[in-house]
Amino acid sequence: MLKRYHYSAYERYQPHYVPLYRTKNHANNLTSYVRFLNATPTSGSVDVYINDQQVLREKMFKHSSHYIPLQEGEQKIDVYISNTNQLLASRMINIRKSNCYTLSLVGLEEFELLKKVDSLYTQPGESQLRFVHYSPLSPSIDVKVVYGDIIFPNLSYRETTQYLALTPMTVDLKIINTNTKEVIMELNRVNLRANASYTAIVIPPIENSNKVDIHFLSP
């Protein structure tokens, strides 16, 4: 039985560790941070602008950035095909002080930017895991422990689960179709490590749109 206490990664899908740029007095400052993920296989390489200033260049599918410091308030985010003026997506986002965010480019033919608030820290000795569904053509899914419980039920496109606190362990998971119970993907040997926070992102694969792929981010 899966004992609930927090996340990690497994053998085939190692989590992508993203450094957080900290100031000297990080614990006391009110700066917020945002990182970017290209979660669509059809956009090609992209450049990212914040308030008309280029901050990232040539981010390919599954590429994520470091955390970029931002002050609170409204911020304009634009994503272009790399080295062109062809705009793929644009959004005004509200940044609250002392928060960390992941901005993801999603979609297949039409693109949009989705914002999620990240949790960087766990209780000492625990791990935590959440799932995000960014595969447009995929059905609603359940995330299930092999020979165990469904831990994240009925997750639809664009939705995000709450973080689940877990005891550190290595566990086998399955992604299944909520309605038909067909197994869509098996995640073998997911290593839930102590003092780690992870987001497992369900994304479309490059070739077969009837299946899914998984991209792990940590924190």
N, C-alpha and C. Protein backbone atom coordinates (compact mmCIF):
# COMPACT_ATOMS: atom_id res chain seq x y z
N MET A 1 0.84 -1.19 0.00
CA MET A 1 0.00 0.00 0.00
C MET A 1 0.87 1.24 0.00
N LEU A 2 0.46 2.22 -0.74
CA LEU A 2 1.20 3.48 -0.81
C LEU A 2 0.88 4.31 0.41
N LYS A 3 1.88 4.56 1.22
CA LYS A 3 1.67 5.37 2.41
C LYS A 3 1.80 6.84 2.05
N ARG A 4 0.80 7.65 2.34
CA ARG A 4 0.74 9.02 1.87
C ARG A 4 1.51 9.93 2.82
N TYR A 5 2.43 10.50 2.28
CA TYR A 5 3.15 11.58 2.93
C TYR A 5 3.76 12.44 1.86
N HIS A 6 4.71 12.49 0.33
CA HIS A 6 5.09 13.48 -0.81
C HIS A 6 5.90 13.04 -2.07
N TYR A 7 6.96 13.44 -3.66
CA TYR A 7 7.29 13.08 -5.07
C TYR A 7 8.70 12.67 -5.47
N SER A 8 8.99 12.33 -6.60
CA SER A 8 10.33 12.06 -7.14
C SER A 8 10.26 11.66 -8.58
N ALA A 9 11.20 10.82 -9.03
CA ALA A 9 11.19 10.43 -10.41
C ALA A 9 11.61 8.98 -10.53
N TYR A 10 11.53 8.47 -11.75
CA TYR A 10 11.84 7.07 -11.90
C TYR A 10 12.95 6.87 -12.91
N GLU A 11 13.26 5.58 -13.15
CA GLU A 11 14.43 5.24 -13.94
C GLU A 11 14.43 5.89 -15.33
N ARG A 12 13.35 5.72 -16.08
CA ARG A 12 13.35 6.22 -17.46
C ARG A 12 13.15 7.72 -17.52
N TYR A 13 12.44 8.27 -16.55
CA TYR A 13 12.08 9.68 -16.61
C TYR A 13 12.69 10.40 -15.42
N GLN A 14 13.96 10.73 -15.54
CA GLN A 14 14.62 11.46 -14.47
C GLN A 14 14.05 12.86 -14.39
N PRO A 15 13.83 13.38 -13.18
CA PRO A 15 13.30 14.74 -13.06
C PRO A 15 14.30 15.75 -13.53
N HIS A 16 13.78 16.84 -14.08
CA HIS A 16 14.65 17.91 -14.55
C HIS A 16 14.79 18.93 -13.44
N TYR A 17 15.98 19.04 -12.88
CA TYR A 17 16.20 19.95 -11.76
C TYR A 17 16.45 21.35 -12.29
N VAL A 18 15.71 22.30 -11.75
CA VAL A 18 15.78 23.68 -12.22
C VAL A 18 16.31 24.54 -11.08
N PRO A 19 17.46 25.20 -11.26
CA PRO A 19 18.00 26.01 -10.18
C PRO A 19 17.14 27.22 -9.90
N LEU A 20 17.01 27.56 -8.64
CA LEU A 20 16.31 28.76 -8.23
C LEU A 20 17.33 29.84 -7.96
N TYR A 21 17.23 30.93 -8.69
CA TYR A 21 18.16 32.04 -8.49
C TYR A 21 17.80 32.76 -7.20
N ARG A 22 18.65 32.69 -6.21
CA ARG A 22 18.37 33.24 -4.89
C ARG A 22 19.15 34.52 -4.66
N THR A 23 18.53 35.43 -3.96
CA THR A 23 19.26 36.60 -3.53
C THR A 23 19.96 36.29 -2.22
N LYS A 24 20.81 37.21 -1.77
CA LYS A 24 21.58 36.99 -0.56
C LYS A 24 20.69 36.74 0.64
N ASN A 25 19.56 37.47 0.71
CA ASN A 25 18.64 37.31 1.83
C ASN A 25 17.32 36.71 1.34
N HIS A 26 17.45 35.61 0.62
CA HIS A 26 16.28 35.01 -0.04
C HIS A 26 15.15 34.73 0.95
N ALA A 27 15.49 34.26 2.13
CA ALA A 27 14.46 33.85 3.08
C ALA A 27 13.57 35.03 3.49
N ASN A 28 14.09 36.24 3.39
CA ASN A 28 13.35 37.39 3.87
C ASN A 28 12.82 38.29 2.75
N ASN A 29 13.22 38.04 1.48
CA ASN A 29 12.78 38.96 0.44
C ASN A 29 11.42 38.55 -0.11
N LEU A 30 10.80 39.46 -0.84
CA LEU A 30 9.45 39.25 -1.32
C LEU A 30 9.43 39.03 -2.83
N THR A 31 10.58 38.71 -3.41
CA THR A 31 10.65 38.48 -4.84
C THR A 31 9.93 37.19 -5.21
N SER A 32 9.26 37.21 -6.36
CA SER A 32 8.65 36.00 -6.90
C SER A 32 9.49 35.49 -8.06
N TYR A 33 9.18 34.27 -8.51
CA TYR A 33 9.97 33.63 -9.55
C TYR A 33 9.06 32.93 -10.54
N VAL A 34 9.48 32.90 -11.79
CA VAL A 34 8.72 32.19 -12.82
C VAL A 34 9.71 31.42 -13.69
N ARG A 35 9.31 30.22 -14.10
CA ARG A 35 10.09 29.44 -15.06
C ARG A 35 9.17 29.08 -16.23
N PHE A 36 9.77 28.67 -17.33
CA PHE A 36 9.02 28.40 -18.55
C PHE A 36 9.26 26.97 -19.00
N LEU A 37 8.20 26.30 -19.47
CA LEU A 37 8.28 24.96 -20.05
C LEU A 37 7.61 24.96 -21.41
N ASN A 38 8.31 24.44 -22.42
CA ASN A 38 7.69 24.20 -23.72
C ASN A 38 7.07 22.80 -23.68
N ALA A 39 5.74 22.74 -23.56
CA ALA A 39 5.04 21.47 -23.39
C ALA A 39 4.29 21.04 -24.64
N THR A 40 4.64 21.60 -25.79
CA THR A 40 3.99 21.20 -27.04
C THR A 40 5.02 20.71 -28.05
N PRO A 41 4.76 19.58 -28.72
CA PRO A 41 5.71 19.07 -29.70
C PRO A 41 5.61 19.74 -31.06
N THR A 42 4.64 20.66 -31.23
CA THR A 42 4.41 21.22 -32.56
C THR A 42 4.85 22.68 -32.71
N SER A 43 5.35 23.29 -31.67
CA SER A 43 5.71 24.70 -31.76
C SER A 43 7.09 24.93 -32.38
N GLY A 44 7.95 23.92 -32.31
CA GLY A 44 9.34 24.14 -32.66
C GLY A 44 10.04 24.92 -31.57
N SER A 45 11.21 25.44 -31.89
CA SER A 45 11.99 26.22 -30.94
C SER A 45 11.34 27.59 -30.72
N VAL A 46 11.31 28.04 -29.44
CA VAL A 46 10.64 29.30 -29.13
C VAL A 46 11.53 30.21 -28.31
N ASP A 47 11.26 31.51 -28.42
CA ASP A 47 11.88 32.54 -27.58
C ASP A 47 10.80 33.14 -26.69
N VAL A 48 11.21 33.53 -25.48
CA VAL A 48 10.25 34.05 -24.50
C VAL A 48 10.64 35.47 -24.11
N TYR A 49 9.62 36.34 -24.08
CA TYR A 49 9.81 37.74 -23.70
C TYR A 49 8.94 38.05 -22.48
N ILE A 50 9.50 38.82 -21.56
CA ILE A 50 8.74 39.35 -20.43
C ILE A 50 8.78 40.87 -20.52
N ASN A 51 7.61 41.47 -20.63
CA ASN A 51 7.51 42.93 -20.77
C ASN A 51 8.40 43.45 -21.90
N ASP A 52 8.34 42.72 -23.04
CA ASP A 52 9.04 43.09 -24.28
C ASP A 52 10.56 42.94 -24.20
N GLN A 53 11.04 42.27 -23.16
CA GLN A 53 12.47 41.99 -23.04
C GLN A 53 12.70 40.49 -23.17
N GLN A 54 13.60 40.11 -24.09
CA GLN A 54 13.86 38.68 -24.27
C GLN A 54 14.59 38.12 -23.06
N VAL A 55 14.04 37.04 -22.50
CA VAL A 55 14.64 36.41 -21.33
C VAL A 55 15.09 34.98 -21.61
N LEU A 56 14.51 34.35 -22.63
CA LEU A 56 14.87 32.96 -22.97
C LEU A 56 14.88 32.83 -24.48
N ARG A 57 15.76 31.98 -24.98
CA ARG A 57 15.82 31.76 -26.42
C ARG A 57 15.95 30.27 -26.71
N GLU A 58 15.35 29.88 -27.84
CA GLU A 58 15.50 28.55 -28.43
C GLU A 58 15.16 27.43 -27.44
N LYS A 59 13.98 27.54 -26.84
CA LYS A 59 13.49 26.49 -25.96
C LYS A 59 12.69 25.49 -26.78
N MET A 60 13.21 24.27 -26.88
CA MET A 60 12.57 23.21 -27.64
C MET A 60 11.54 22.48 -26.78
N PHE A 61 10.80 21.57 -27.41
CA PHE A 61 9.84 20.73 -26.72
C PHE A 61 10.51 20.02 -25.53
N LYS A 62 9.88 20.07 -24.38
CA LYS A 62 10.32 19.50 -23.10
C LYS A 62 11.43 20.30 -22.43
N HIS A 63 11.88 21.38 -23.06
CA HIS A 63 12.91 22.20 -22.41
C HIS A 63 12.25 23.13 -21.40
N SER A 64 12.85 23.21 -20.23
CA SER A 64 12.38 24.14 -19.20
C SER A 64 13.53 25.05 -18.80
N SER A 65 13.18 26.17 -18.22
CA SER A 65 14.17 27.17 -17.88
C SER A 65 14.47 27.16 -16.38
N HIS A 66 15.45 27.96 -16.00
CA HIS A 66 15.66 28.27 -14.60
C HIS A 66 14.53 29.18 -14.13
N TYR A 67 14.45 29.39 -12.82
CA TYR A 67 13.50 30.37 -12.30
C TYR A 67 14.05 31.78 -12.51
N ILE A 68 13.19 32.65 -13.01
CA ILE A 68 13.55 34.03 -13.28
C ILE A 68 12.87 34.93 -12.25
N PRO A 69 13.61 35.80 -11.56
CA PRO A 69 12.98 36.66 -10.55
C PRO A 69 12.09 37.72 -11.18
N LEU A 70 10.92 37.93 -10.57
CA LEU A 70 9.98 38.94 -11.02
C LEU A 70 9.38 39.65 -9.80
N GLN A 71 9.09 40.91 -9.95
CA GLN A 71 8.37 41.63 -8.91
C GLN A 71 6.87 41.35 -9.05
N GLU A 72 6.14 41.55 -7.97
CA GLU A 72 4.70 41.31 -8.01
C GLU A 72 4.02 42.30 -8.95
N GLY A 73 2.84 41.91 -9.42
CA GLY A 73 2.07 42.77 -10.30
C GLY A 73 1.83 42.13 -11.65
N GLU A 74 1.25 42.88 -12.57
CA GLU A 74 0.93 42.39 -13.91
C GLU A 74 2.19 42.34 -14.78
N GLN A 75 2.39 41.21 -15.44
CA GLN A 75 3.55 41.02 -16.31
C GLN A 75 3.07 40.49 -17.67
N LYS A 76 3.64 41.03 -18.73
CA LYS A 76 3.27 40.60 -20.08
C LYS A 76 4.25 39.53 -20.56
N ILE A 77 3.73 38.38 -20.96
CA ILE A 77 4.55 37.26 -21.44
C ILE A 77 4.21 37.00 -22.90
N ASP A 78 5.24 37.01 -23.76
CA ASP A 78 5.06 36.70 -25.18
C ASP A 78 5.99 35.56 -25.57
N VAL A 79 5.48 34.67 -26.39
CA VAL A 79 6.28 33.55 -26.91
C VAL A 79 6.27 33.61 -28.43
N TYR A 80 7.45 33.62 -29.02
CA TYR A 80 7.63 33.70 -30.47
C TYR A 80 8.36 32.46 -30.99
N ILE A 81 8.11 32.11 -32.24
CA ILE A 81 9.00 31.17 -32.91
C ILE A 81 10.40 31.76 -32.90
N SER A 82 11.38 30.95 -32.56
CA SER A 82 12.74 31.45 -32.36
C SER A 82 13.25 32.23 -33.56
N ASN A 83 13.86 33.36 -33.26
CA ASN A 83 14.54 34.21 -34.24
C ASN A 83 13.59 34.76 -35.31
N THR A 84 12.31 34.89 -34.95
CA THR A 84 11.32 35.49 -35.86
C THR A 84 10.46 36.45 -35.05
N ASN A 85 9.56 37.15 -35.75
CA ASN A 85 8.56 37.98 -35.07
C ASN A 85 7.18 37.34 -35.13
N GLN A 86 7.14 36.00 -35.32
CA GLN A 86 5.87 35.28 -35.39
C GLN A 86 5.43 34.90 -33.98
N LEU A 87 4.38 35.55 -33.49
CA LEU A 87 3.89 35.35 -32.14
C LEU A 87 3.05 34.08 -32.06
N LEU A 88 3.37 33.22 -31.08
CA LEU A 88 2.61 31.99 -30.86
C LEU A 88 1.58 32.15 -29.75
N ALA A 89 1.96 32.86 -28.69
CA ALA A 89 1.06 33.02 -27.55
C ALA A 89 1.46 34.26 -26.77
N SER A 90 0.46 34.90 -26.17
CA SER A 90 0.71 36.08 -25.36
C SER A 90 -0.28 36.09 -24.20
N ARG A 91 0.19 36.54 -23.04
CA ARG A 91 -0.69 36.56 -21.88
C ARG A 91 -0.19 37.56 -20.85
N MET A 92 -1.13 38.25 -20.22
CA MET A 92 -0.82 39.04 -19.03
C MET A 92 -1.03 38.16 -17.82
N ILE A 93 -0.04 38.08 -16.96
CA ILE A 93 -0.16 37.26 -15.75
C ILE A 93 0.02 38.13 -14.52
N ASN A 94 -0.70 37.78 -13.49
CA ASN A 94 -0.60 38.49 -12.22
C ASN A 94 0.35 37.73 -11.30
N ILE A 95 1.43 38.38 -10.90
CA ILE A 95 2.43 37.76 -10.04
C ILE A 95 2.22 38.25 -8.61
N ARG A 96 2.05 37.31 -7.70
CA ARG A 96 1.92 37.66 -6.29
C ARG A 96 3.26 37.50 -5.60
N LYS A 97 3.50 38.33 -4.59
CA LYS A 97 4.79 38.34 -3.94
C LYS A 97 5.07 37.00 -3.26
N SER A 98 6.37 36.63 -3.30
CA SER A 98 6.89 35.44 -2.61
C SER A 98 6.35 34.13 -3.16
N ASN A 99 5.88 34.13 -4.42
CA ASN A 99 5.41 32.90 -5.04
C ASN A 99 6.34 32.46 -6.16
N CYS A 100 6.29 31.17 -6.49
CA CYS A 100 7.00 30.61 -7.63
C CYS A 100 5.98 30.02 -8.60
N TYR A 101 6.22 30.21 -9.90
CA TYR A 101 5.26 29.79 -10.91
C TYR A 101 5.98 29.02 -12.02
N THR A 102 5.22 28.12 -12.67
CA THR A 102 5.63 27.53 -13.94
C THR A 102 4.66 27.98 -15.02
N LEU A 103 5.20 28.59 -16.08
CA LEU A 103 4.42 28.96 -17.25
C LEU A 103 4.70 27.95 -18.35
N SER A 104 3.65 27.33 -18.88
CA SER A 104 3.83 26.29 -19.90
C SER A 104 3.14 26.69 -21.19
N LEU A 105 3.86 26.49 -22.30
CA LEU A 105 3.26 26.65 -23.62
C LEU A 105 2.60 25.33 -23.99
N VAL A 106 1.29 25.35 -24.22
CA VAL A 106 0.55 24.11 -24.49
C VAL A 106 -0.28 24.29 -25.76
N GLY A 107 -0.78 23.15 -26.27
CA GLY A 107 -1.59 23.14 -27.49
C GLY A 107 -0.87 22.40 -28.60
N LEU A 108 -1.58 22.19 -29.71
CA LEU A 108 -1.00 21.50 -30.86
C LEU A 108 -1.05 22.36 -32.12
N GLU A 109 -2.20 22.96 -32.42
CA GLU A 109 -2.33 23.86 -33.57
C GLU A 109 -2.49 25.32 -33.11
N GLU A 110 -3.24 25.51 -32.05
CA GLU A 110 -3.34 26.81 -31.41
C GLU A 110 -2.70 26.69 -30.03
N PHE A 111 -2.00 27.76 -29.62
CA PHE A 111 -1.17 27.67 -28.42
C PHE A 111 -1.65 28.67 -27.37
N GLU A 112 -1.41 28.32 -26.11
CA GLU A 112 -1.72 29.21 -25.00
C GLU A 112 -0.70 28.99 -23.89
N LEU A 113 -0.61 29.98 -23.01
CA LEU A 113 0.27 29.91 -21.85
C LEU A 113 -0.57 29.64 -20.61
N LEU A 114 -0.22 28.59 -19.88
CA LEU A 114 -0.92 28.24 -18.65
C LEU A 114 0.01 28.42 -17.47
N LYS A 115 -0.53 28.97 -16.39
CA LYS A 115 0.27 29.30 -15.20
C LYS A 115 -0.12 28.39 -14.05
N LYS A 116 0.87 27.83 -13.37
CA LYS A 116 0.66 27.03 -12.17
C LYS A 116 1.57 27.53 -11.06
N VAL A 117 1.05 27.55 -9.84
CA VAL A 117 1.85 27.92 -8.68
C VAL A 117 2.61 26.69 -8.20
N ASP A 118 3.90 26.85 -7.95
CA ASP A 118 4.75 25.74 -7.52
C ASP A 118 4.98 25.77 -6.01
N SER A 119 5.10 24.59 -5.43
CA SER A 119 5.51 24.45 -4.04
C SER A 119 6.91 23.87 -4.02
N LEU A 120 7.86 24.60 -3.45
CA LEU A 120 9.26 24.19 -3.52
C LEU A 120 9.71 23.35 -2.34
N TYR A 121 8.96 23.40 -1.26
CA TYR A 121 9.47 22.82 -0.02
C TYR A 121 8.51 21.78 0.54
N THR A 122 9.05 20.82 1.26
CA THR A 122 8.28 19.75 1.89
C THR A 122 8.53 19.77 3.39
N GLN A 123 7.74 18.99 4.10
CA GLN A 123 8.05 18.73 5.50
C GLN A 123 9.33 17.89 5.56
N PRO A 124 10.17 18.09 6.58
CA PRO A 124 11.44 17.33 6.66
C PRO A 124 11.21 15.83 6.55
N GLY A 125 11.97 15.21 5.65
CA GLY A 125 11.91 13.77 5.49
C GLY A 125 10.79 13.28 4.59
N GLU A 126 9.95 14.18 4.10
CA GLU A 126 8.85 13.79 3.23
C GLU A 126 9.16 14.12 1.77
N SER A 127 8.26 13.66 0.91
CA SER A 127 8.32 13.96 -0.52
C SER A 127 6.93 14.37 -0.95
N GLN A 128 6.80 15.05 -2.11
CA GLN A 128 5.46 15.38 -2.59
C GLN A 128 5.41 15.33 -4.11
N LEU A 129 4.21 14.98 -4.60
CA LEU A 129 3.99 14.75 -6.03
C LEU A 129 2.66 15.35 -6.45
N ARG A 130 2.64 15.98 -7.62
CA ARG A 130 1.38 16.37 -8.25
C ARG A 130 1.47 16.02 -9.73
N PHE A 131 0.31 15.91 -10.38
CA PHE A 131 0.24 15.68 -11.83
C PHE A 131 -0.48 16.85 -12.50
N VAL A 132 -0.03 17.16 -13.73
CA VAL A 132 -0.64 18.20 -14.56
C VAL A 132 -0.94 17.56 -15.92
N HIS A 133 -2.12 17.83 -16.46
CA HIS A 133 -2.55 17.23 -17.74
C HIS A 133 -2.45 18.29 -18.84
N TYR A 134 -1.45 18.15 -19.71
CA TYR A 134 -1.25 19.09 -20.81
C TYR A 134 -1.22 18.38 -22.16
N SER A 135 -1.98 17.29 -22.30
CA SER A 135 -2.04 16.56 -23.56
C SER A 135 -3.42 16.75 -24.17
N PRO A 136 -3.57 17.65 -25.17
CA PRO A 136 -4.89 18.09 -25.63
C PRO A 136 -5.79 16.98 -26.17
N LEU A 137 -5.21 15.99 -26.85
CA LEU A 137 -6.03 14.95 -27.48
C LEU A 137 -6.26 13.74 -26.57
N SER A 138 -5.73 13.77 -25.37
CA SER A 138 -5.85 12.64 -24.47
C SER A 138 -7.10 12.74 -23.61
N PRO A 139 -7.66 11.59 -23.24
CA PRO A 139 -8.87 11.60 -22.40
C PRO A 139 -8.54 11.97 -20.96
N SER A 140 -9.56 12.08 -20.15
CA SER A 140 -9.35 12.22 -18.71
C SER A 140 -8.63 10.97 -18.20
N ILE A 141 -7.75 11.16 -17.23
CA ILE A 141 -6.92 10.05 -16.77
C ILE A 141 -7.01 9.88 -15.26
N ASP A 142 -6.73 8.66 -14.83
CA ASP A 142 -6.46 8.37 -13.42
C ASP A 142 -4.99 7.98 -13.30
N VAL A 143 -4.39 8.35 -12.19
CA VAL A 143 -3.04 7.89 -11.87
C VAL A 143 -3.16 6.89 -10.74
N LYS A 144 -2.68 5.68 -10.99
CA LYS A 144 -2.92 4.55 -10.09
C LYS A 144 -1.61 3.89 -9.70
N VAL A 145 -1.51 3.45 -8.46
CA VAL A 145 -0.39 2.62 -8.02
C VAL A 145 -0.64 1.20 -8.52
N VAL A 146 0.37 0.59 -9.13
CA VAL A 146 0.24 -0.81 -9.57
C VAL A 146 -0.08 -1.68 -8.36
N TYR A 147 -1.12 -2.47 -8.46
CA TYR A 147 -1.61 -3.31 -7.36
C TYR A 147 -2.03 -2.48 -6.16
N GLY A 148 -2.46 -1.25 -6.41
CA GLY A 148 -2.85 -0.38 -5.30
C GLY A 148 -3.96 0.57 -5.69
N ASP A 149 -4.00 1.70 -5.01
CA ASP A 149 -5.09 2.66 -5.13
C ASP A 149 -4.88 3.64 -6.28
N ILE A 150 -5.97 4.25 -6.72
CA ILE A 150 -5.91 5.42 -7.57
C ILE A 150 -5.58 6.61 -6.68
N ILE A 151 -4.50 7.31 -6.97
CA ILE A 151 -4.09 8.43 -6.12
C ILE A 151 -4.50 9.77 -6.69
N PHE A 152 -4.68 9.83 -8.03
CA PHE A 152 -5.17 11.06 -8.66
C PHE A 152 -6.27 10.67 -9.65
N PRO A 153 -7.54 10.84 -9.31
CA PRO A 153 -8.62 10.44 -10.20
C PRO A 153 -9.08 11.55 -11.14
N ASN A 154 -9.52 11.13 -12.34
CA ASN A 154 -10.30 11.97 -13.25
C ASN A 154 -9.63 13.32 -13.52
N LEU A 155 -8.39 13.28 -14.00
CA LEU A 155 -7.65 14.49 -14.33
C LEU A 155 -7.82 14.79 -15.81
N SER A 156 -8.40 15.94 -16.13
CA SER A 156 -8.68 16.33 -17.51
C SER A 156 -7.65 17.33 -18.02
N TYR A 157 -7.68 17.55 -19.33
CA TYR A 157 -6.76 18.50 -19.97
C TYR A 157 -6.85 19.87 -19.30
N ARG A 158 -5.68 20.44 -19.03
CA ARG A 158 -5.47 21.75 -18.42
C ARG A 158 -5.62 21.73 -16.90
N GLU A 159 -5.99 20.59 -16.33
CA GLU A 159 -6.18 20.52 -14.89
C GLU A 159 -4.90 20.10 -14.17
N THR A 160 -4.83 20.45 -12.89
CA THR A 160 -3.69 20.14 -12.03
C THR A 160 -4.20 19.55 -10.72
N THR A 161 -3.55 18.52 -10.24
CA THR A 161 -3.91 17.97 -8.94
C THR A 161 -3.28 18.80 -7.83
N GLN A 162 -3.75 18.57 -6.62
CA GLN A 162 -3.05 19.08 -5.45
C GLN A 162 -1.78 18.25 -5.24
N TYR A 163 -0.82 18.82 -4.53
CA TYR A 163 0.34 18.03 -4.15
C TYR A 163 -0.10 16.96 -3.15
N LEU A 164 0.45 15.77 -3.34
CA LEU A 164 0.19 14.66 -2.44
C LEU A 164 1.45 14.37 -1.63
N ALA A 165 1.34 14.46 -0.31
CA ALA A 165 2.48 14.19 0.56
C ALA A 165 2.64 12.68 0.74
N LEU A 166 3.87 12.21 0.56
CA LEU A 166 4.15 10.77 0.58
C LEU A 166 5.42 10.48 1.36
N THR A 167 5.49 9.27 1.91
CA THR A 167 6.76 8.83 2.45
C THR A 167 7.69 8.50 1.28
N PRO A 168 8.99 8.76 1.40
CA PRO A 168 9.92 8.42 0.32
C PRO A 168 9.89 6.92 0.02
N MET A 169 9.89 6.58 -1.26
CA MET A 169 9.85 5.19 -1.70
C MET A 169 10.09 5.12 -3.19
N THR A 170 10.21 3.90 -3.72
CA THR A 170 10.20 3.66 -5.15
C THR A 170 8.92 2.90 -5.46
N VAL A 171 8.14 3.41 -6.43
CA VAL A 171 6.82 2.87 -6.67
C VAL A 171 6.56 2.79 -8.17
N ASP A 172 5.76 1.81 -8.58
CA ASP A 172 5.31 1.68 -9.97
C ASP A 172 3.92 2.29 -10.10
N LEU A 173 3.75 3.14 -11.12
CA LEU A 173 2.47 3.81 -11.35
C LEU A 173 1.94 3.48 -12.74
N LYS A 174 0.63 3.64 -12.90
CA LYS A 174 -0.01 3.51 -14.19
C LYS A 174 -0.87 4.74 -14.46
N ILE A 175 -0.87 5.19 -15.72
CA ILE A 175 -1.84 6.19 -16.16
C ILE A 175 -2.91 5.46 -16.95
N ILE A 176 -4.16 5.59 -16.52
CA ILE A 176 -5.24 4.86 -17.17
C ILE A 176 -6.34 5.81 -17.61
N ASN A 177 -7.07 5.39 -18.65
CA ASN A 177 -8.22 6.14 -19.13
C ASN A 177 -9.31 6.09 -18.07
N THR A 178 -9.79 7.25 -17.64
CA THR A 178 -10.78 7.30 -16.56
C THR A 178 -12.03 6.52 -16.92
N ASN A 179 -12.47 6.61 -18.17
CA ASN A 179 -13.74 6.00 -18.57
C ASN A 179 -13.61 4.53 -18.92
N THR A 180 -12.58 4.18 -19.70
CA THR A 180 -12.45 2.80 -20.18
C THR A 180 -11.56 1.94 -19.30
N LYS A 181 -10.75 2.56 -18.45
CA LYS A 181 -9.78 1.89 -17.58
C LYS A 181 -8.63 1.26 -18.37
N GLU A 182 -8.53 1.62 -19.65
CA GLU A 182 -7.39 1.16 -20.45
C GLU A 182 -6.10 1.78 -19.94
N VAL A 183 -5.04 0.98 -19.88
CA VAL A 183 -3.74 1.49 -19.45
C VAL A 183 -3.13 2.29 -20.60
N ILE A 184 -2.86 3.56 -20.36
CA ILE A 184 -2.27 4.44 -21.37
C ILE A 184 -0.75 4.43 -21.28
N MET A 185 -0.24 4.36 -20.07
CA MET A 185 1.20 4.42 -19.88
C MET A 185 1.56 3.83 -18.53
N GLU A 186 2.69 3.14 -18.46
CA GLU A 186 3.22 2.64 -17.20
C GLU A 186 4.46 3.42 -16.82
N LEU A 187 4.53 3.83 -15.57
CA LEU A 187 5.68 4.55 -15.04
C LEU A 187 6.36 3.65 -14.02
N ASN A 188 7.43 3.01 -14.44
CA ASN A 188 8.09 2.03 -13.59
C ASN A 188 9.18 2.67 -12.74
N ARG A 189 9.22 2.23 -11.48
CA ARG A 189 10.26 2.62 -10.54
C ARG A 189 10.36 4.14 -10.39
N VAL A 190 9.25 4.73 -10.03
CA VAL A 190 9.24 6.16 -9.70
C VAL A 190 9.86 6.31 -8.31
N ASN A 191 10.96 7.00 -8.25
CA ASN A 191 11.71 7.13 -7.00
C ASN A 191 11.26 8.37 -6.25
N LEU A 192 10.49 8.19 -5.20
CA LEU A 192 9.98 9.29 -4.38
C LEU A 192 10.99 9.57 -3.28
N ARG A 193 11.76 10.61 -3.45
CA ARG A 193 12.89 10.89 -2.57
C ARG A 193 12.53 11.88 -1.48
N ALA A 194 13.23 11.78 -0.38
CA ALA A 194 12.96 12.65 0.75
C ALA A 194 13.32 14.09 0.42
N ASN A 195 12.54 15.01 0.98
CA ASN A 195 12.80 16.45 0.89
C ASN A 195 12.80 16.95 -0.55
N ALA A 196 11.95 16.35 -1.39
CA ALA A 196 11.89 16.73 -2.80
C ALA A 196 10.44 16.97 -3.21
N SER A 197 10.24 17.98 -4.05
CA SER A 197 8.93 18.33 -4.57
C SER A 197 8.97 18.22 -6.09
N TYR A 198 7.97 17.51 -6.66
CA TYR A 198 7.99 17.24 -8.09
C TYR A 198 6.64 17.49 -8.73
N THR A 199 6.69 17.84 -10.01
CA THR A 199 5.49 17.94 -10.84
C THR A 199 5.67 17.00 -12.03
N ALA A 200 4.73 16.08 -12.19
CA ALA A 200 4.72 15.17 -13.34
C ALA A 200 3.72 15.72 -14.36
N ILE A 201 4.21 16.08 -15.54
CA ILE A 201 3.39 16.74 -16.54
C ILE A 201 3.08 15.77 -17.68
N VAL A 202 1.81 15.52 -17.89
CA VAL A 202 1.35 14.67 -18.98
C VAL A 202 1.33 15.52 -20.25
N ILE A 203 2.14 15.12 -21.23
CA ILE A 203 2.29 15.89 -22.46
C ILE A 203 2.08 14.99 -23.67
N PRO A 204 1.75 15.56 -24.82
CA PRO A 204 1.59 14.73 -26.02
C PRO A 204 2.94 14.24 -26.52
N PRO A 205 3.02 13.01 -26.99
CA PRO A 205 4.27 12.52 -27.57
C PRO A 205 4.50 13.13 -28.93
N ILE A 206 5.69 12.99 -29.44
CA ILE A 206 6.02 13.58 -30.74
C ILE A 206 5.30 12.86 -31.87
N GLU A 207 5.14 11.54 -31.78
CA GLU A 207 4.63 10.78 -32.92
C GLU A 207 3.19 10.32 -32.75
N ASN A 208 2.87 9.60 -31.68
CA ASN A 208 1.56 8.96 -31.55
C ASN A 208 0.68 9.77 -30.62
N SER A 209 -0.29 10.51 -31.19
CA SER A 209 -1.13 11.40 -30.39
C SER A 209 -2.14 10.65 -29.54
N ASN A 210 -2.29 9.33 -29.74
CA ASN A 210 -3.21 8.55 -28.93
C ASN A 210 -2.60 8.14 -27.60
N LYS A 211 -1.32 8.32 -27.46
CA LYS A 211 -0.63 8.00 -26.22
C LYS A 211 -0.21 9.28 -25.53
N VAL A 212 0.54 9.16 -24.46
CA VAL A 212 1.03 10.34 -23.75
C VAL A 212 2.50 10.13 -23.42
N ASP A 213 3.13 11.21 -23.05
CA ASP A 213 4.49 11.18 -22.53
C ASP A 213 4.45 11.87 -21.17
N ILE A 214 5.52 11.75 -20.41
CA ILE A 214 5.60 12.37 -19.08
C ILE A 214 6.89 13.15 -18.98
N HIS A 215 6.76 14.37 -18.44
CA HIS A 215 7.93 15.18 -18.17
C HIS A 215 7.91 15.57 -16.70
N PHE A 216 9.00 15.27 -15.98
CA PHE A 216 9.09 15.59 -14.56
C PHE A 216 9.88 16.87 -14.35
N LEU A 217 9.36 17.72 -13.49
CA LEU A 217 10.08 18.90 -13.04
C LEU A 217 10.31 18.82 -11.54
N SER A 218 11.47 19.23 -11.11
CA SER A 218 11.76 19.31 -9.69
C SER A 218 12.59 20.56 -9.44
N PRO A 219 12.20 21.46 -8.55
CA PRO A 219 11.02 21.33 -7.68
C PRO A 219 9.76 21.56 -8.49
